[in-house]
Amino acid sequence: MPIFIKTEKFKDKTLELSKIEKKRFLSMHQEWVQDISNSGHYIHSGYLINEKKMPGGGGLLIIEAKDYLTARKIIEEDPMIKNKLVIWELQEWIPINGSKPKFFNHLG
């Protein structure tokens, strides 16, 4: 099954949220990811940090779906997207060489 990569950058208004507000939205996002995982989809999500280990650069999400439209439909339900907190992009990933990524281990 194809693998899709969602990249995102936080909007300025997101970076200006209070710690409590940020934590609330991140918690909603984590619950959403867990719900998708529980439904049987392969999904993995994380945030990006700079060379000083400081967050704020945005995030990366990897999801397996039957096609682009299915992946997009799932991704558009992300609370970070629904609340317009990020600028995002979704692309299909086509591996061409290199080591087999660990996230392919579930494929057998």
PDB file of N, CA and C in Angstrom:
ATOM      1  N   MET A   1       0.845  -1.177   0.000  1.00  0.00           N
ATOM      2  CA  MET A   1       0.000   0.000   0.000  1.00  0.00           C
ATOM      3  C   MET A   1       0.893   1.244   0.000  1.00  0.00           C
ATOM      4  N   PRO A   2       0.480   2.288  -0.715  1.00  0.00           N
ATOM      5  CA  PRO A   2       1.302   3.502  -0.798  1.00  0.00           C
ATOM      6  C   PRO A   2       1.494   4.187   0.560  1.00  0.00           C
ATOM      7  N   ILE A   3       2.621   4.877   0.668  1.00  0.00           N
ATOM      8  CA  ILE A   3       2.961   5.667   1.854  1.00  0.00           C
ATOM      9  C   ILE A   3       2.866   7.140   1.478  1.00  0.00           C
ATOM     10  N   PHE A   4       2.232   7.926   2.353  1.00  0.00           N
ATOM     11  CA  PHE A   4       2.080   9.357   2.129  1.00  0.00           C
ATOM     12  C   PHE A   4       2.738  10.110   3.275  1.00  0.00           C
ATOM     13  N   ILE A   5       3.304  11.260   2.931  1.00  0.00           N
ATOM     14  CA  ILE A   5       3.992  12.103   3.896  1.00  0.00           C
ATOM     15  C   ILE A   5       3.274  13.443   3.951  1.00  0.00           C
ATOM     16  N   LYS A   6       2.861  13.813   5.159  1.00  0.00           N
ATOM     17  CA  LYS A   6       2.296  15.153   5.367  1.00  0.00           C
ATOM     18  C   LYS A   6       3.351  15.968   6.102  1.00  0.00           C
ATOM     19  N   THR A   7       3.732  17.099   5.522  1.00  0.00           N
ATOM     20  CA  THR A   7       4.610  18.036   6.217  1.00  0.00           C
ATOM     21  C   THR A   7       3.774  19.247   6.581  1.00  0.00           C
ATOM     22  N   GLU A   8       4.151  19.877   7.683  1.00  0.00           N
ATOM     23  CA  GLU A   8       3.398  21.048   8.098  1.00  0.00           C
ATOM     24  C   GLU A   8       4.318  22.032   8.801  1.00  0.00           C
ATOM     25  N   LYS A   9       3.933  23.281   8.716  1.00  0.00           N
ATOM     26  CA  LYS A   9       4.614  24.361   9.431  1.00  0.00           C
ATOM     27  C   LYS A   9       3.549  25.082  10.238  1.00  0.00           C
ATOM     28  N   PHE A  10       3.905  25.418  11.454  1.00  0.00           N
ATOM     29  CA  PHE A  10       2.970  26.153  12.294  1.00  0.00           C
ATOM     30  C   PHE A  10       2.797  27.571  11.763  1.00  0.00           C
ATOM     31  N   LYS A  11       1.560  28.040  11.783  1.00  0.00           N
ATOM     32  CA  LYS A  11       1.292  29.429  11.429  1.00  0.00           C
ATOM     33  C   LYS A  11       1.760  30.313  12.578  1.00  0.00           C
ATOM     34  N   ASP A  12       2.011  31.579  12.285  1.00  0.00           N
ATOM     35  CA  ASP A  12       2.443  32.518  13.322  1.00  0.00           C
ATOM     36  C   ASP A  12       1.470  32.537  14.492  1.00  0.00           C
ATOM     37  N   LYS A  13       0.164  32.490  14.175  1.00  0.00           N
ATOM     38  CA  LYS A  13      -0.834  32.536  15.248  1.00  0.00           C
ATOM     39  C   LYS A  13      -0.732  31.304  16.157  1.00  0.00           C
ATOM     40  N   THR A  14      -0.277  30.187  15.621  1.00  0.00           N
ATOM     41  CA  THR A  14      -0.106  28.976  16.418  1.00  0.00           C
ATOM     42  C   THR A  14       1.041  29.146  17.392  1.00  0.00           C
ATOM     43  N   LEU A  15       2.124  29.725  16.921  1.00  0.00           N
ATOM     44  CA  LEU A  15       3.287  29.946  17.775  1.00  0.00           C
ATOM     45  C   LEU A  15       2.989  30.934  18.900  1.00  0.00           C
ATOM     46  N   GLU A  16       1.984  31.774  18.693  1.00  0.00           N
ATOM     47  CA  GLU A  16       1.625  32.779  19.694  1.00  0.00           C
ATOM     48  C   GLU A  16       0.629  32.264  20.735  1.00  0.00           C
ATOM     49  N   LEU A  17       0.121  31.045  20.568  1.00  0.00           N
ATOM     50  CA  LEU A  17      -0.822  30.488  21.533  1.00  0.00           C
ATOM     51  C   LEU A  17      -0.150  30.291  22.888  1.00  0.00           C
ATOM     52  N   SER A  18      -0.940  30.319  23.944  1.00  0.00           N
ATOM     53  CA  SER A  18      -0.405  30.043  25.276  1.00  0.00           C
ATOM     54  C   SER A  18      -0.004  28.565  25.356  1.00  0.00           C
ATOM     55  N   LYS A  19       0.824  28.234  26.334  1.00  0.00           N
ATOM     56  CA  LYS A  19       1.237  26.834  26.519  1.00  0.00           C
ATOM     57  C   LYS A  19       0.031  25.934  26.725  1.00  0.00           C
ATOM     58  N   ILE A  20      -0.948  26.408  27.456  1.00  0.00           N
ATOM     59  CA  ILE A  20      -2.161  25.613  27.718  1.00  0.00           C
ATOM     60  C   ILE A  20      -2.907  25.346  26.419  1.00  0.00           C
ATOM     61  N   GLU A  21      -3.062  26.373  25.571  1.00  0.00           N
ATOM     62  CA  GLU A  21      -3.749  26.202  24.297  1.00  0.00           C
ATOM     63  C   GLU A  21      -2.975  25.248  23.383  1.00  0.00           C
ATOM     64  N   LYS A  22      -1.662  25.427  23.304  1.00  0.00           N
ATOM     65  CA  LYS A  22      -0.837  24.535  22.480  1.00  0.00           C
ATOM     66  C   LYS A  22      -0.987  23.093  22.942  1.00  0.00           C
ATOM     67  N   LYS A  23      -0.919  22.893  24.250  1.00  0.00           N
ATOM     68  CA  LYS A  23      -1.029  21.548  24.809  1.00  0.00           C
ATOM     69  C   LYS A  23      -2.388  20.926  24.475  1.00  0.00           C
ATOM     70  N   ARG A  24      -3.440  21.733  24.533  1.00  0.00           N
ATOM     71  CA  ARG A  24      -4.787  21.233  24.224  1.00  0.00           C
ATOM     72  C   ARG A  24      -4.871  20.762  22.768  1.00  0.00           C
ATOM     73  N   PHE A  25      -4.366  21.573  21.848  1.00  0.00           N
ATOM     74  CA  PHE A  25      -4.418  21.188  20.433  1.00  0.00           C
ATOM     75  C   PHE A  25      -3.528  19.981  20.145  1.00  0.00           C
ATOM     76  N   LEU A  26      -2.345  19.935  20.749  1.00  0.00           N
ATOM     77  CA  LEU A  26      -1.455  18.789  20.548  1.00  0.00           C
ATOM     78  C   LEU A  26      -2.072  17.511  21.110  1.00  0.00           C
ATOM     79  N   SER A  27      -2.769  17.630  22.227  1.00  0.00           N
ATOM     80  CA  SER A  27      -3.453  16.479  22.806  1.00  0.00           C
ATOM     81  C   SER A  27      -4.551  15.982  21.864  1.00  0.00           C
ATOM     82  N   MET A  28      -5.297  16.910  21.277  1.00  0.00           N
ATOM     83  CA  MET A  28      -6.338  16.540  20.305  1.00  0.00           C
ATOM     84  C   MET A  28      -5.710  15.832  19.104  1.00  0.00           C
ATOM     85  N   HIS A  29      -4.583  16.341  18.641  1.00  0.00           N
ATOM     86  CA  HIS A  29      -3.882  15.733  17.510  1.00  0.00           C
ATOM     87  C   HIS A  29      -3.428  14.315  17.871  1.00  0.00           C
ATOM     88  N   GLN A  30      -2.853  14.141  19.059  1.00  0.00           N
ATOM     89  CA  GLN A  30      -2.378  12.818  19.482  1.00  0.00           C
ATOM     90  C   GLN A  30      -3.532  11.821  19.591  1.00  0.00           C
ATOM     91  N   GLU A  31      -4.662  12.258  20.103  1.00  0.00           N
ATOM     92  CA  GLU A  31      -5.836  11.386  20.181  1.00  0.00           C
ATOM     93  C   GLU A  31      -6.304  10.998  18.788  1.00  0.00           C
ATOM     94  N   TRP A  32      -6.296  11.952  17.863  1.00  0.00           N
ATOM     95  CA  TRP A  32      -6.694  11.690  16.487  1.00  0.00           C
ATOM     96  C   TRP A  32      -5.775  10.641  15.860  1.00  0.00           C
ATOM     97  N   VAL A  33      -4.450  10.798  16.048  1.00  0.00           N
ATOM     98  CA  VAL A  33      -3.491   9.822  15.513  1.00  0.00           C
ATOM     99  C   VAL A  33      -3.756   8.441  16.113  1.00  0.00           C
ATOM    100  N   GLN A  34      -3.970   8.378  17.416  1.00  0.00           N
ATOM    101  CA  GLN A  34      -4.221   7.099  18.078  1.00  0.00           C
ATOM    102  C   GLN A  34      -5.503   6.449  17.556  1.00  0.00           C
ATOM    103  N   ASP A  35      -6.547   7.243  17.332  1.00  0.00           N
ATOM    104  CA  ASP A  35      -7.795   6.707  16.782  1.00  0.00           C
ATOM    105  C   ASP A  35      -7.574   6.100  15.397  1.00  0.00           C
ATOM    106  N   ILE A  36      -6.787   6.772  14.572  1.00  0.00           N
ATOM    107  CA  ILE A  36      -6.492   6.245  13.232  1.00  0.00           C
ATOM    108  C   ILE A  36      -5.701   4.953  13.349  1.00  0.00           C
ATOM    109  N   SER A  37      -4.715   4.939  14.213  1.00  0.00           N
ATOM    110  CA  SER A  37      -3.919   3.732  14.437  1.00  0.00           C
ATOM    111  C   SER A  37      -4.805   2.586  14.920  1.00  0.00           C
ATOM    112  N   ASN A  38      -5.701   2.875  15.844  1.00  0.00           N
ATOM    113  CA  ASN A  38      -6.617   1.853  16.372  1.00  0.00           C
ATOM    114  C   ASN A  38      -7.564   1.320  15.306  1.00  0.00           C
ATOM    115  N   SER A  39      -7.823   2.127  14.259  1.00  0.00           N
ATOM    116  CA  SER A  39      -8.722   1.691  13.193  1.00  0.00           C
ATOM    117  C   SER A  39      -8.019   0.788  12.178  1.00  0.00           C
ATOM    118  N   GLY A  40      -6.699   0.583  12.361  1.00  0.00           N
ATOM    119  CA  GLY A  40      -5.977  -0.336  11.485  1.00  0.00           C
ATOM    120  C   GLY A  40      -5.059   0.315  10.470  1.00  0.00           C
ATOM    121  N   HIS A  41      -5.060   1.633  10.378  1.00  0.00           N
ATOM    122  CA  HIS A  41      -4.153   2.322   9.456  1.00  0.00           C
ATOM    123  C   HIS A  41      -2.774   2.438  10.081  1.00  0.00           C
ATOM    124  N   TYR A  42      -1.737   2.315   9.247  1.00  0.00           N
ATOM    125  CA  TYR A  42      -0.390   2.612   9.729  1.00  0.00           C
ATOM    126  C   TYR A  42      -0.232   4.122   9.687  1.00  0.00           C
ATOM    127  N   ILE A  43       0.138   4.714  10.822  1.00  0.00           N
ATOM    128  CA  ILE A  43       0.337   6.158  10.906  1.00  0.00           C
ATOM    129  C   ILE A  43       1.412   6.427  11.950  1.00  0.00           C
ATOM    130  N   HIS A  44       2.230   7.414  11.689  1.00  0.00           N
ATOM    131  CA  HIS A  44       3.262   7.814  12.643  1.00  0.00           C
ATOM    132  C   HIS A  44       3.423   9.324  12.531  1.00  0.00           C
ATOM    133  N   SER A  45       3.411  10.009  13.668  1.00  0.00           N
ATOM    134  CA  SER A  45       3.441  11.465  13.665  1.00  0.00           C
ATOM    135  C   SER A  45       4.478  11.979  14.651  1.00  0.00           C
ATOM    136  N   GLY A  46       5.079  13.109  14.326  1.00  0.00           N
ATOM    137  CA  GLY A  46       6.039  13.722  15.236  1.00  0.00           C
ATOM    138  C   GLY A  46       6.272  15.174  14.860  1.00  0.00           C
ATOM    139  N   TYR A  47       6.974  15.875  15.743  1.00  0.00           N
ATOM    140  CA  TYR A  47       7.253  17.285  15.478  1.00  0.00           C
ATOM    141  C   TYR A  47       8.726  17.469  15.159  1.00  0.00           C
ATOM    142  N   LEU A  48       9.020  18.597  14.551  1.00  0.00           N
ATOM    143  CA  LEU A  48      10.377  18.904  14.108  1.00  0.00           C
ATOM    144  C   LEU A  48      11.033  19.884  15.078  1.00  0.00           C
ATOM    145  N   ILE A  49      12.339  19.702  15.283  1.00  0.00           N
ATOM    146  CA  ILE A  49      13.107  20.589  16.153  1.00  0.00           C
ATOM    147  C   ILE A  49      14.330  21.092  15.398  1.00  0.00           C
ATOM    148  N   ASN A  50      14.884  22.192  15.878  1.00  0.00           N
ATOM    149  CA  ASN A  50      16.073  22.731  15.230  1.00  0.00           C
ATOM    150  C   ASN A  50      17.343  22.142  15.846  1.00  0.00           C
ATOM    151  N   GLU A  51      18.500  22.677  15.445  1.00  0.00           N
ATOM    152  CA  GLU A  51      19.780  22.139  15.914  1.00  0.00           C
ATOM    153  C   GLU A  51      19.981  22.318  17.414  1.00  0.00           C
ATOM    154  N   LYS A  52      19.221  23.227  18.016  1.00  0.00           N
ATOM    155  CA  LYS A  52      19.295  23.440  19.464  1.00  0.00           C
ATOM    156  C   LYS A  52      18.222  22.644  20.212  1.00  0.00           C
ATOM    157  N   LYS A  53      17.555  21.728  19.488  1.00  0.00           N
ATOM    158  CA  LYS A  53      16.508  20.871  20.049  1.00  0.00           C
ATOM    159  C   LYS A  53      15.269  21.659  20.464  1.00  0.00           C
ATOM    160  N   MET A  54      15.051  22.811  19.828  1.00  0.00           N
ATOM    161  CA  MET A  54      13.894  23.640  20.127  1.00  0.00           C
ATOM    162  C   MET A  54      12.777  23.334  19.134  1.00  0.00           C
ATOM    163  N   PRO A  55      11.565  23.036  19.625  1.00  0.00           N
ATOM    164  CA  PRO A  55      10.435  22.782  18.723  1.00  0.00           C
ATOM    165  C   PRO A  55       9.921  24.077  18.118  1.00  0.00           C
ATOM    166  N   GLY A  56       9.003  23.949  17.199  1.00  0.00           N
ATOM    167  CA  GLY A  56       8.383  25.117  16.583  1.00  0.00           C
ATOM    168  C   GLY A  56       8.469  25.101  15.076  1.00  0.00           C
ATOM    169  N   GLY A  57       9.184  24.122  14.532  1.00  0.00           N
ATOM    170  CA  GLY A  57       9.355  24.049  13.084  1.00  0.00           C
ATOM    171  C   GLY A  57       8.197  23.410  12.356  1.00  0.00           C
ATOM    172  N   GLY A  58       7.306  22.767  13.072  1.00  0.00           N
ATOM    173  CA  GLY A  58       6.186  22.097  12.432  1.00  0.00           C
ATOM    174  C   GLY A  58       6.236  20.613  12.704  1.00  0.00           C
ATOM    175  N   GLY A  59       5.699  19.844  11.784  1.00  0.00           N
ATOM    176  CA  GLY A  59       5.629  18.416  12.014  1.00  0.00           C
ATOM    177  C   GLY A  59       5.695  17.599  10.740  1.00  0.00           C
ATOM    178  N   LEU A  60       5.781  16.297  10.946  1.00  0.00           N
ATOM    179  CA  LEU A  60       5.850  15.329   9.865  1.00  0.00           C
ATOM    180  C   LEU A  60       4.948  14.164  10.245  1.00  0.00           C
ATOM    181  N   LEU A  61       4.152  13.696   9.303  1.00  0.00           N
ATOM    182  CA  LEU A  61       3.264  12.575   9.535  1.00  0.00           C
ATOM    183  C   LEU A  61       3.418  11.604   8.378  1.00  0.00           C
ATOM    184  N   ILE A  62       3.515  10.326   8.701  1.00  0.00           N
ATOM    185  CA  ILE A  62       3.617   9.265   7.700  1.00  0.00           C
ATOM    186  C   ILE A  62       2.368   8.411   7.833  1.00  0.00           C
ATOM    187  N   ILE A  63       1.698   8.168   6.724  1.00  0.00           N
ATOM    188  CA  ILE A  63       0.483   7.358   6.756  1.00  0.00           C
ATOM    189  C   ILE A  63       0.423   6.459   5.523  1.00  0.00           C
ATOM    190  N   GLU A  64      -0.095   5.290   5.741  1.00  0.00           N
ATOM    191  CA  GLU A  64      -0.316   4.339   4.659  1.00  0.00           C
ATOM    192  C   GLU A  64      -1.795   4.410   4.288  1.00  0.00           C
ATOM    193  N   ALA A  65      -2.079   4.521   3.001  1.00  0.00           N
ATOM    194  CA  ALA A  65      -3.464   4.579   2.533  1.00  0.00           C
ATOM    195  C   ALA A  65      -3.537   3.994   1.134  1.00  0.00           C
ATOM    196  N   LYS A  66      -4.733   3.616   0.724  1.00  0.00           N
ATOM    197  CA  LYS A  66      -4.867   2.953  -0.590  1.00  0.00           C
ATOM    198  C   LYS A  66      -4.591   3.890  -1.761  1.00  0.00           C
ATOM    199  N   ASP A  67      -4.834   5.216  -1.566  1.00  0.00           N
ATOM    200  CA  ASP A  67      -4.551   6.177  -2.627  1.00  0.00           C
ATOM    201  C   ASP A  67      -4.489   7.581  -2.042  1.00  0.00           C
ATOM    202  N   TYR A  68      -4.137   8.541  -2.886  1.00  0.00           N
ATOM    203  CA  TYR A  68      -3.958   9.922  -2.438  1.00  0.00           C
ATOM    204  C   TYR A  68      -5.244  10.495  -1.841  1.00  0.00           C
ATOM    205  N   LEU A  69      -6.374  10.279  -2.514  1.00  0.00           N
ATOM    206  CA  LEU A  69      -7.625  10.859  -2.033  1.00  0.00           C
ATOM    207  C   LEU A  69      -8.002  10.327  -0.655  1.00  0.00           C
ATOM    208  N   THR A  70      -7.762   9.049  -0.421  1.00  0.00           N
ATOM    209  CA  THR A  70      -8.038   8.461   0.893  1.00  0.00           C
ATOM    210  C   THR A  70      -7.136   9.085   1.943  1.00  0.00           C
ATOM    211  N   ALA A  71      -5.850   9.203   1.635  1.00  0.00           N
ATOM    212  CA  ALA A  71      -4.912   9.813   2.570  1.00  0.00           C
ATOM    213  C   ALA A  71      -5.317  11.256   2.865  1.00  0.00           C
ATOM    214  N   ARG A  72      -5.663  12.000   1.856  1.00  0.00           N
ATOM    215  CA  ARG A  72      -6.064  13.409   2.035  1.00  0.00           C
ATOM    216  C   ARG A  72      -7.317  13.515   2.907  1.00  0.00           C
ATOM    217  N   LYS A  73      -8.280  12.650   2.647  1.00  0.00           N
ATOM    218  CA  LYS A  73      -9.524  12.678   3.432  1.00  0.00           C
ATOM    219  C   LYS A  73      -9.225  12.438   4.914  1.00  0.00           C
ATOM    220  N   ILE A  74      -8.335  11.514   5.200  1.00  0.00           N
ATOM    221  CA  ILE A  74      -7.944  11.228   6.590  1.00  0.00           C
ATOM    222  C   ILE A  74      -7.215  12.431   7.183  1.00  0.00           C
ATOM    223  N   ILE A  75      -6.231  12.953   6.460  1.00  0.00           N
ATOM    224  CA  ILE A  75      -5.396  14.051   6.938  1.00  0.00           C
ATOM    225  C   ILE A  75      -6.217  15.312   7.212  1.00  0.00           C
ATOM    226  N   GLU A  76      -7.209  15.565   6.397  1.00  0.00           N
ATOM    227  CA  GLU A  76      -8.014  16.777   6.576  1.00  0.00           C
ATOM    228  C   GLU A  76      -8.801  16.772   7.883  1.00  0.00           C
ATOM    229  N   GLU A  77      -8.883  15.614   8.546  1.00  0.00           N
ATOM    230  CA  GLU A  77      -9.567  15.532   9.836  1.00  0.00           C
ATOM    231  C   GLU A  77      -8.634  15.828  11.016  1.00  0.00           C
ATOM    232  N   ASP A  78      -7.360  16.040  10.755  1.00  0.00           N
ATOM    233  CA  ASP A  78      -6.396  16.377  11.802  1.00  0.00           C
ATOM    234  C   ASP A  78      -6.844  17.670  12.486  1.00  0.00           C
ATOM    235  N   PRO A  79      -6.973  17.661  13.813  1.00  0.00           N
ATOM    236  CA  PRO A  79      -7.391  18.884  14.509  1.00  0.00           C
ATOM    237  C   PRO A  79      -6.489  20.094  14.226  1.00  0.00           C
ATOM    238  N   MET A  80      -5.218  19.861  13.946  1.00  0.00           N
ATOM    239  CA  MET A  80      -4.324  20.975  13.623  1.00  0.00           C
ATOM    240  C   MET A  80      -4.732  21.624  12.299  1.00  0.00           C
ATOM    241  N   ILE A  81      -5.231  20.816  11.364  1.00  0.00           N
ATOM    242  CA  ILE A  81      -5.688  21.328  10.073  1.00  0.00           C
ATOM    243  C   ILE A  81      -7.091  21.920  10.211  1.00  0.00           C
ATOM    244  N   LYS A  82      -7.972  21.198  10.887  1.00  0.00           N
ATOM    245  CA  LYS A  82      -9.346  21.675  11.040  1.00  0.00           C
ATOM    246  C   LYS A  82      -9.400  23.024  11.760  1.00  0.00           C
ATOM    247  N   ASN A  83      -8.450  23.266  12.654  1.00  0.00           N
ATOM    248  CA  ASN A  83      -8.409  24.532  13.388  1.00  0.00           C
ATOM    249  C   ASN A  83      -7.496  25.562  12.732  1.00  0.00           C
ATOM    250  N   LYS A  84      -7.044  25.248  11.514  1.00  0.00           N
ATOM    251  CA  LYS A  84      -6.240  26.171  10.700  1.00  0.00           C
ATOM    252  C   LYS A  84      -4.996  26.673  11.429  1.00  0.00           C
ATOM    253  N   LEU A  85      -4.303  25.725  12.117  1.00  0.00           N
ATOM    254  CA  LEU A  85      -3.110  26.076  12.878  1.00  0.00           C
ATOM    255  C   LEU A  85      -1.819  25.832  12.105  1.00  0.00           C
ATOM    256  N   VAL A  86      -1.921  25.152  10.965  1.00  0.00           N
ATOM    257  CA  VAL A  86      -0.733  24.800  10.194  1.00  0.00           C
ATOM    258  C   VAL A  86      -0.942  25.054   8.704  1.00  0.00           C
ATOM    259  N   ILE A  87       0.169  25.243   8.032  1.00  0.00           N
ATOM    260  CA  ILE A  87       0.217  25.221   6.574  1.00  0.00           C
ATOM    261  C   ILE A  87       0.764  23.839   6.239  1.00  0.00           C
ATOM    262  N   TRP A  88       0.087  23.081   5.413  1.00  0.00           N
ATOM    263  CA  TRP A  88       0.472  21.685   5.218  1.00  0.00           C
ATOM    264  C   TRP A  88       0.505  21.302   3.746  1.00  0.00           C
ATOM    265  N   GLU A  89       1.153  20.163   3.529  1.00  0.00           N
ATOM    266  CA  GLU A  89       1.277  19.607   2.192  1.00  0.00           C
ATOM    267  C   GLU A  89       1.293  18.089   2.322  1.00  0.00           C
ATOM    268  N   LEU A  90       0.644  17.412   1.412  1.00  0.00           N
ATOM    269  CA  LEU A  90       0.601  15.958   1.401  1.00  0.00           C
ATOM    270  C   LEU A  90       1.171  15.458   0.080  1.00  0.00           C
ATOM    271  N   GLN A  91       2.083  14.488   0.182  1.00  0.00           N
ATOM    272  CA  GLN A  91       2.683  13.905  -1.010  1.00  0.00           C
ATOM    273  C   GLN A  91       2.833  12.404  -0.829  1.00  0.00           C
ATOM    274  N   GLU A  92       2.754  11.681  -1.932  1.00  0.00           N
ATOM    275  CA  GLU A  92       3.054  10.253  -1.890  1.00  0.00           C
ATOM    276  C   GLU A  92       4.571  10.088  -1.944  1.00  0.00           C
ATOM    277  N   TRP A  93       5.068   9.135  -1.175  1.00  0.00           N
ATOM    278  CA  TRP A  93       6.502   8.861  -1.145  1.00  0.00           C
ATOM    279  C   TRP A  93       6.775   7.611  -1.965  1.00  0.00           C
ATOM    280  N   ILE A  94       7.704   7.725  -2.911  1.00  0.00           N
ATOM    281  CA  ILE A  94       8.099   6.608  -3.760  1.00  0.00           C
ATOM    282  C   ILE A  94       9.557   6.281  -3.424  1.00  0.00           C
ATOM    283  N   PRO A  95       9.812   5.225  -2.629  1.00  0.00           N
ATOM    284  CA  PRO A  95      11.196   4.874  -2.313  1.00  0.00           C
ATOM    285  C   PRO A  95      11.881   4.286  -3.541  1.00  0.00           C
ATOM    286  N   ILE A  96      13.151   4.668  -3.761  1.00  0.00           N
ATOM    287  CA  ILE A  96      13.856   4.140  -4.920  1.00  0.00           C
ATOM    288  C   ILE A  96      15.104   3.348  -4.555  1.00  0.00           C
ATOM    289  N   ASN A  97      15.702   3.628  -3.387  1.00  0.00           N
ATOM    290  CA  ASN A  97      16.865   2.848  -2.981  1.00  0.00           C
ATOM    291  C   ASN A  97      17.182   3.118  -1.520  1.00  0.00           C
ATOM    292  N   GLY A  98      18.178   2.432  -1.011  1.00  0.00           N
ATOM    293  CA  GLY A  98      18.583   2.621   0.379  1.00  0.00           C
ATOM    294  C   GLY A  98      18.085   1.496   1.262  1.00  0.00           C
ATOM    295  N   SER A  99      18.307   1.651   2.533  1.00  0.00           N
ATOM    296  CA  SER A  99      17.878   0.654   3.506  1.00  0.00           C
ATOM    297  C   SER A  99      16.355   0.632   3.608  1.00  0.00           C
ATOM    298  N   LYS A 100      15.832  -0.509   3.958  1.00  0.00           N
ATOM    299  CA  LYS A 100      14.401  -0.628   4.167  1.00  0.00           C
ATOM    300  C   LYS A 100      14.043   0.084   5.478  1.00  0.00           C
ATOM    301  N   PRO A 101      13.200   1.132   5.414  1.00  0.00           N
ATOM    302  CA  PRO A 101      12.834   1.838   6.643  1.00  0.00           C
ATOM    303  C   PRO A 101      12.136   0.905   7.631  1.00  0.00           C
ATOM    304  N   LYS A 102      12.360   1.145   8.919  1.00  0.00           N
ATOM    305  CA  LYS A 102      11.761   0.301   9.947  1.00  0.00           C
ATOM    306  C   LYS A 102      10.245   0.311   9.873  1.00  0.00           C
ATOM    307  N   PHE A 103       9.657   1.410   9.415  1.00  0.00           N
ATOM    308  CA  PHE A 103       8.197   1.441   9.382  1.00  0.00           C
ATOM    309  C   PHE A 103       7.622   0.517   8.322  1.00  0.00           C
ATOM    310  N   PHE A 104       8.461  -0.057   7.463  1.00  0.00           N
ATOM    311  CA  PHE A 104       7.994  -1.061   6.516  1.00  0.00           C
ATOM    312  C   PHE A 104       7.935  -2.453   7.143  1.00  0.00           C
ATOM    313  N   ASN A 105       8.474  -2.630   8.335  1.00  0.00           N
ATOM    314  CA  ASN A 105       8.493  -3.941   8.966  1.00  0.00           C
ATOM    315  C   ASN A 105       7.101  -4.526   9.142  1.00  0.00           C
ATOM    316  N   HIS A 106       6.102  -3.676   9.332  1.00  0.00           N
ATOM    317  CA  HIS A 106       4.750  -4.192   9.527  1.00  0.00           C
ATOM    318  C   HIS A 106       4.183  -4.810   8.250  1.00  0.00           C
ATOM    319  N   LEU A 107       4.810  -4.539   7.106  1.00  0.00           N
ATOM    320  CA  LEU A 107       4.321  -5.079   5.841  1.00  0.00           C
ATOM    321  C   LEU A 107       4.747  -6.518   5.616  1.00  0.00           C
ATOM    322  N   GLY A 108       5.728  -6.963   6.401  1.00  0.00           N
ATOM    323  CA  GLY A 108       6.166  -8.361   6.300  1.00  0.00           C
ATOM    324  C   GLY A 108       7.215  -8.575   5.343  1.00  0.00           C
TER     325      GLY A 108
END
